[in-house]
Amino acid sequence: MVSMRAKASLALREVGVVVACLARFGGVSFCLQQAADTVKCAGPSMLPTLNRDGDILLLDKLTPRLWRLQPGEVVLATSMSNPRHTVCKRVVALEGDTVCVRPRVSSSDVEFHKIPRGHVWLEGDNKHDSHDSRYYGPVPYSMLQGRVVMRIWPLAQLKWMKKEVSSQRFRER
């Protein structure tokens, strides 16, 4: 016959195992949440690379924190116009680069923007329907939430996100 003391010791040990498992799960979950995420992307600014609505993207949150992004990479950033929203754009220029922007209307006027330290220049792939750095200027690195690694939904359009660098000399505004 098992004594009451032995039963209590066994129950306490089982509780300890459960608490240890929950702590490990919580720690792993926290680390994963800091390293990666999935986000739903909507809007026309990244057409044709991304669909207008319904794409779910896998986001790498470590790259912007630990390494330098490269021109052509697609990122998710806090909106400069409305900090409660996020935007999905392509990195066009990095700190120290100069971007030449030409107005949409026929004009010989151009603007040169030197990207300051700690900032990037973001633009949507759909130049005619994108509110981006051409309107609000360079984006602080601290506003970047992560680098888009791949589209994971819809499954029929599953794909790695490629770095695409535009060869345009002038950027339309």
C-alpha atoms as a PDB file:
ATOM      1  CA  MET A   1       0.000   0.000   0.000  1.00  0.00           C
ATOM      2  CA  VAL A   2       1.283   3.427  -1.006  1.00  0.00           C
ATOM      3  CA  SER A   3       1.447   5.982   1.746  1.00  0.00           C
ATOM      4  CA  MET A   4      -0.179   9.356   1.515  1.00  0.00           C
ATOM      5  CA  ARG A   5       3.237  10.970   1.615  1.00  0.00           C
ATOM      6  CA  ALA A   6       4.432   8.944  -1.405  1.00  0.00           C
ATOM      7  CA  LYS A   7       1.271   9.879  -3.362  1.00  0.00           C
ATOM      8  CA  ALA A   8       1.808  13.556  -2.609  1.00  0.00           C
ATOM      9  CA  SER A   9       5.447  13.306  -3.678  1.00  0.00           C
ATOM     10  CA  LEU A  10       4.459  11.594  -6.940  1.00  0.00           C
ATOM     11  CA  ALA A  11       1.761  14.212  -7.656  1.00  0.00           C
ATOM     12  CA  LEU A  12       4.202  17.027  -6.935  1.00  0.00           C
ATOM     13  CA  ARG A  13       6.756  15.479  -9.296  1.00  0.00           C
ATOM     14  CA  GLU A  14       4.115  15.226 -12.060  1.00  0.00           C
ATOM     15  CA  VAL A  15       3.155  18.865 -11.550  1.00  0.00           C
ATOM     16  CA  GLY A  16       6.839  19.789 -11.827  1.00  0.00           C
ATOM     17  CA  VAL A  17       7.152  17.906 -15.125  1.00  0.00           C
ATOM     18  CA  VAL A  18       4.057  19.661 -16.521  1.00  0.00           C
ATOM     19  CA  VAL A  19       5.335  23.087 -15.426  1.00  0.00           C
ATOM     20  CA  ALA A  20       8.763  22.385 -16.965  1.00  0.00           C
ATOM     21  CA  CYS A  21       7.145  21.332 -20.267  1.00  0.00           C
ATOM     22  CA  LEU A  22       4.978  24.467 -20.322  1.00  0.00           C
ATOM     23  CA  ALA A  23       8.004  26.657 -19.607  1.00  0.00           C
ATOM     24  CA  ARG A  24       9.949  25.032 -22.447  1.00  0.00           C
ATOM     25  CA  PHE A  25       7.006  25.402 -24.812  1.00  0.00           C
ATOM     26  CA  GLY A  26       6.609  29.049 -23.811  1.00  0.00           C
ATOM     27  CA  GLY A  27      10.321  29.713 -24.329  1.00  0.00           C
ATOM     28  CA  VAL A  28      10.386  28.042 -27.740  1.00  0.00           C
ATOM     29  CA  SER A  29       7.168  29.824 -28.735  1.00  0.00           C
ATOM     30  CA  PHE A  30       8.604  33.205 -27.691  1.00  0.00           C
ATOM     31  CA  CYS A  31      11.828  32.599 -29.650  1.00  0.00           C
ATOM     32  CA  LEU A  32       9.912  31.553 -32.758  1.00  0.00           C
ATOM     33  CA  GLN A  33       7.678  34.619 -32.480  1.00  0.00           C
ATOM     34  CA  GLN A  34      10.777  36.842 -32.404  1.00  0.00           C
ATOM     35  CA  ALA A  35      12.346  35.052 -35.392  1.00  0.00           C
ATOM     36  CA  ALA A  36       9.464  34.502 -37.817  1.00  0.00           C
ATOM     37  CA  ASP A  37       5.804  35.247 -38.412  1.00  0.00           C
ATOM     38  CA  THR A  38       3.083  34.897 -41.007  1.00  0.00           C
ATOM     39  CA  VAL A  39       1.205  37.937 -42.286  1.00  0.00           C
ATOM     40  CA  LYS A  40      -1.689  38.537 -44.655  1.00  0.00           C
ATOM     41  CA  CYS A  41      -0.903  41.046 -47.375  1.00  0.00           C
ATOM     42  CA  ALA A  42      -3.556  43.116 -49.152  1.00  0.00           C
ATOM     43  CA  GLY A  43      -3.434  45.986 -51.618  1.00  0.00           C
ATOM     44  CA  PRO A  44      -2.381  46.737 -55.178  1.00  0.00           C
ATOM     45  CA  SER A  45       1.069  48.230 -54.525  1.00  0.00           C
ATOM     46  CA  MET A  46       3.038  44.994 -55.011  1.00  0.00           C
ATOM     47  CA  LEU A  47       1.262  43.779 -58.170  1.00  0.00           C
ATOM     48  CA  PRO A  48       2.278  41.660 -60.082  1.00  0.00           C
ATOM     49  CA  THR A  49       4.683  40.151 -57.512  1.00  0.00           C
ATOM     50  CA  LEU A  50       1.886  39.682 -54.962  1.00  0.00           C
ATOM     51  CA  ASN A  51      -1.866  39.385 -55.441  1.00  0.00           C
ATOM     52  CA  ARG A  52      -4.181  42.264 -54.555  1.00  0.00           C
ATOM     53  CA  ASP A  53      -5.728  40.329 -51.643  1.00  0.00           C
ATOM     54  CA  GLY A  54      -5.332  37.108 -49.735  1.00  0.00           C
ATOM     55  CA  ASP A  55      -1.608  36.359 -49.950  1.00  0.00           C
ATOM     56  CA  ILE A  56      -0.126  34.977 -46.753  1.00  0.00           C
ATOM     57  CA  LEU A  57       3.594  35.622 -46.440  1.00  0.00           C
ATOM     58  CA  LEU A  58       6.318  34.057 -44.310  1.00  0.00           C
ATOM     59  CA  LEU A  59       8.277  36.807 -42.589  1.00  0.00           C
ATOM     60  CA  ASP A  60      11.884  36.600 -41.360  1.00  0.00           C
ATOM     61  CA  LYS A  61      12.116  39.021 -38.430  1.00  0.00           C
ATOM     62  CA  LEU A  62      15.807  38.460 -37.681  1.00  0.00           C
ATOM     63  CA  THR A  63      17.418  39.746 -40.882  1.00  0.00           C
ATOM     64  CA  PRO A  64      16.538  43.454 -40.379  1.00  0.00           C
ATOM     65  CA  ARG A  65      17.770  43.262 -36.776  1.00  0.00           C
ATOM     66  CA  LEU A  66      21.015  41.375 -37.318  1.00  0.00           C
ATOM     67  CA  TRP A  67      22.108  41.872 -40.931  1.00  0.00           C
ATOM     68  CA  ARG A  68      21.948  44.503 -43.612  1.00  0.00           C
ATOM     69  CA  LEU A  69      19.095  44.169 -46.077  1.00  0.00           C
ATOM     70  CA  GLN A  70      19.912  44.144 -49.783  1.00  0.00           C
ATOM     71  CA  PRO A  71      18.319  46.197 -52.570  1.00  0.00           C
ATOM     72  CA  GLY A  72      15.555  44.191 -54.207  1.00  0.00           C
ATOM     73  CA  GLU A  73      14.386  42.415 -51.048  1.00  0.00           C
ATOM     74  CA  VAL A  74      10.701  42.627 -50.111  1.00  0.00           C
ATOM     75  CA  VAL A  75      10.003  43.805 -46.560  1.00  0.00           C
ATOM     76  CA  LEU A  76       7.102  44.465 -44.235  1.00  0.00           C
ATOM     77  CA  ALA A  77       7.240  47.851 -42.493  1.00  0.00           C
ATOM     78  CA  THR A  78       5.109  49.966 -40.209  1.00  0.00           C
ATOM     79  CA  SER A  79       3.246  52.481 -42.359  1.00  0.00           C
ATOM     80  CA  MET A  80       4.711  55.983 -42.250  1.00  0.00           C
ATOM     81  CA  SER A  81       1.216  57.391 -42.909  1.00  0.00           C
ATOM     82  CA  ASN A  82      -0.650  55.321 -40.301  1.00  0.00           C
ATOM     83  CA  PRO A  83       1.471  53.548 -37.654  1.00  0.00           C
ATOM     84  CA  ARG A  84      -1.392  51.125 -36.904  1.00  0.00           C
ATOM     85  CA  HIS A  85      -1.001  49.613 -40.392  1.00  0.00           C
ATOM     86  CA  THR A  86       1.791  47.769 -42.143  1.00  0.00           C
ATOM     87  CA  VAL A  87       2.972  48.006 -45.737  1.00  0.00           C
ATOM     88  CA  CYS A  88       4.718  45.500 -47.965  1.00  0.00           C
ATOM     89  CA  LYS A  89       7.331  47.130 -50.232  1.00  0.00           C
ATOM     90  CA  ARG A  90      10.620  46.439 -51.986  1.00  0.00           C
ATOM     91  CA  VAL A  91      13.942  47.882 -50.759  1.00  0.00           C
ATOM     92  CA  VAL A  92      15.222  50.128 -53.558  1.00  0.00           C
ATOM     93  CA  ALA A  93      18.104  51.932 -51.842  1.00  0.00           C
ATOM     94  CA  LEU A  94      20.108  51.782 -48.625  1.00  0.00           C
ATOM     95  CA  GLU A  95      21.764  54.395 -46.426  1.00  0.00           C
ATOM     96  CA  GLY A  96      24.302  56.409 -48.373  1.00  0.00           C
ATOM     97  CA  ASP A  97      22.625  55.739 -51.747  1.00  0.00           C
ATOM     98  CA  THR A  98      21.062  58.531 -53.802  1.00  0.00           C
ATOM     99  CA  VAL A  99      17.691  58.015 -55.464  1.00  0.00           C
ATOM    100  CA  CYS A 100      16.543  60.158 -58.367  1.00  0.00           C
ATOM    101  CA  VAL A 101      12.775  60.663 -58.495  1.00  0.00           C
ATOM    102  CA  ARG A 102      10.936  62.127 -61.472  1.00  0.00           C
ATOM    103  CA  PRO A 103       7.358  63.456 -61.137  1.00  0.00           C
ATOM    104  CA  ARG A 104       4.601  61.446 -62.873  1.00  0.00           C
ATOM    105  CA  VAL A 105       3.531  64.374 -65.024  1.00  0.00           C
ATOM    106  CA  SER A 106       5.749  65.232 -67.967  1.00  0.00           C
ATOM    107  CA  SER A 107       8.440  67.420 -66.545  1.00  0.00           C
ATOM    108  CA  SER A 108      12.167  67.782 -66.665  1.00  0.00           C
ATOM    109  CA  ASP A 109      12.193  68.356 -62.908  1.00  0.00           C
ATOM    110  CA  VAL A 110      13.812  65.660 -60.838  1.00  0.00           C
ATOM    111  CA  GLU A 111      14.437  65.303 -57.130  1.00  0.00           C
ATOM    112  CA  PHE A 112      17.493  63.674 -55.615  1.00  0.00           C
ATOM    113  CA  HIS A 113      17.181  62.011 -52.231  1.00  0.00           C
ATOM    114  CA  LYS A 114      20.292  60.889 -50.365  1.00  0.00           C
ATOM    115  CA  ILE A 115      19.305  58.119 -47.983  1.00  0.00           C
ATOM    116  CA  PRO A 116      20.416  59.063 -44.443  1.00  0.00           C
ATOM    117  CA  ARG A 117      22.097  56.715 -42.007  1.00  0.00           C
ATOM    118  CA  GLY A 118      19.702  54.166 -40.502  1.00  0.00           C
ATOM    119  CA  HIS A 119      17.139  54.504 -43.321  1.00  0.00           C
ATOM    120  CA  VAL A 120      16.058  52.695 -46.495  1.00  0.00           C
ATOM    121  CA  TRP A 121      14.070  53.726 -49.579  1.00  0.00           C
ATOM    122  CA  LEU A 122      10.975  51.555 -50.152  1.00  0.00           C
ATOM    123  CA  GLU A 123       8.798  51.348 -53.264  1.00  0.00           C
ATOM    124  CA  GLY A 124       5.955  49.136 -54.406  1.00  0.00           C
ATOM    125  CA  ASP A 125       6.365  47.097 -57.590  1.00  0.00           C
ATOM    126  CA  ASN A 126       3.182  48.677 -58.994  1.00  0.00           C
ATOM    127  CA  LYS A 127       4.615  52.185 -59.420  1.00  0.00           C
ATOM    128  CA  HIS A 128       1.293  53.684 -60.520  1.00  0.00           C
ATOM    129  CA  ASP A 129      -0.627  52.519 -57.428  1.00  0.00           C
ATOM    130  CA  SER A 130       1.802  52.599 -54.524  1.00  0.00           C
ATOM    131  CA  HIS A 131       2.110  55.064 -51.657  1.00  0.00           C
ATOM    132  CA  ASP A 132       5.774  54.679 -50.756  1.00  0.00           C
ATOM    133  CA  SER A 133       9.067  56.525 -50.199  1.00  0.00           C
ATOM    134  CA  ARG A 134       8.398  58.627 -53.288  1.00  0.00           C
ATOM    135  CA  TYR A 135       5.718  60.332 -51.149  1.00  0.00           C
ATOM    136  CA  TYR A 136       7.015  60.117 -47.582  1.00  0.00           C
ATOM    137  CA  GLY A 137      10.778  59.839 -48.079  1.00  0.00           C
ATOM    138  CA  PRO A 138      13.293  57.458 -46.520  1.00  0.00           C
ATOM    139  CA  VAL A 139      12.004  54.966 -43.939  1.00  0.00           C
ATOM    140  CA  PRO A 140      13.847  54.457 -40.625  1.00  0.00           C
ATOM    141  CA  TYR A 141      15.281  50.960 -40.211  1.00  0.00           C
ATOM    142  CA  SER A 142      13.389  50.737 -36.899  1.00  0.00           C
ATOM    143  CA  MET A 143      10.095  50.727 -38.852  1.00  0.00           C
ATOM    144  CA  LEU A 144      11.020  47.495 -40.659  1.00  0.00           C
ATOM    145  CA  GLN A 145       9.262  44.469 -39.199  1.00  0.00           C
ATOM    146  CA  GLY A 146      10.848  41.772 -41.314  1.00  0.00           C
ATOM    147  CA  ARG A 147      11.973  40.430 -44.673  1.00  0.00           C
ATOM    148  CA  VAL A 148       9.441  38.506 -46.744  1.00  0.00           C
ATOM    149  CA  VAL A 149      10.876  35.043 -47.377  1.00  0.00           C
ATOM    150  CA  MET A 150       8.063  33.445 -49.349  1.00  0.00           C
ATOM    151  CA  ARG A 151       4.385  33.448 -50.242  1.00  0.00           C
ATOM    152  CA  ILE A 152       2.810  30.441 -48.505  1.00  0.00           C
ATOM    153  CA  TRP A 153      -0.818  31.031 -49.534  1.00  0.00           C
ATOM    154  CA  PRO A 154      -2.521  30.431 -51.897  1.00  0.00           C
ATOM    155  CA  LEU A 155      -0.775  27.061 -52.122  1.00  0.00           C
ATOM    156  CA  ALA A 156      -1.055  27.014 -55.913  1.00  0.00           C
ATOM    157  CA  GLN A 157       1.150  30.156 -55.961  1.00  0.00           C
ATOM    158  CA  LEU A 158       3.661  29.076 -53.297  1.00  0.00           C
ATOM    159  CA  LYS A 159       6.993  30.737 -54.115  1.00  0.00           C
ATOM    160  CA  TRP A 160      10.226  32.076 -52.691  1.00  0.00           C
ATOM    161  CA  MET A 161      10.461  35.850 -52.786  1.00  0.00           C
ATOM    162  CA  LYS A 162      13.222  36.851 -55.193  1.00  0.00           C
ATOM    163  CA  LYS A 163      15.470  39.878 -54.960  1.00  0.00           C
ATOM    164  CA  GLU A 164      14.640  42.042 -57.956  1.00  0.00           C
ATOM    165  CA  VAL A 165      16.663  45.174 -58.519  1.00  0.00           C
ATOM    166  CA  SER A 166      15.197  47.707 -60.934  1.00  0.00           C
ATOM    167  CA  SER A 167      17.545  48.975 -63.591  1.00  0.00           C
ATOM    168  CA  GLN A 168      15.577  52.219 -64.001  1.00  0.00           C
ATOM    169  CA  ARG A 169      17.792  55.273 -63.770  1.00  0.00           C
ATOM    170  CA  PHE A 170      14.882  57.484 -62.745  1.00  0.00           C
ATOM    171  CA  ARG A 171      12.077  56.558 -60.377  1.00  0.00           C
ATOM    172  CA  GLU A 172       8.657  57.949 -61.251  1.00  0.00           C
ATOM    173  CA  ARG A 173       6.838  59.850 -58.572  1.00  0.00           C
END
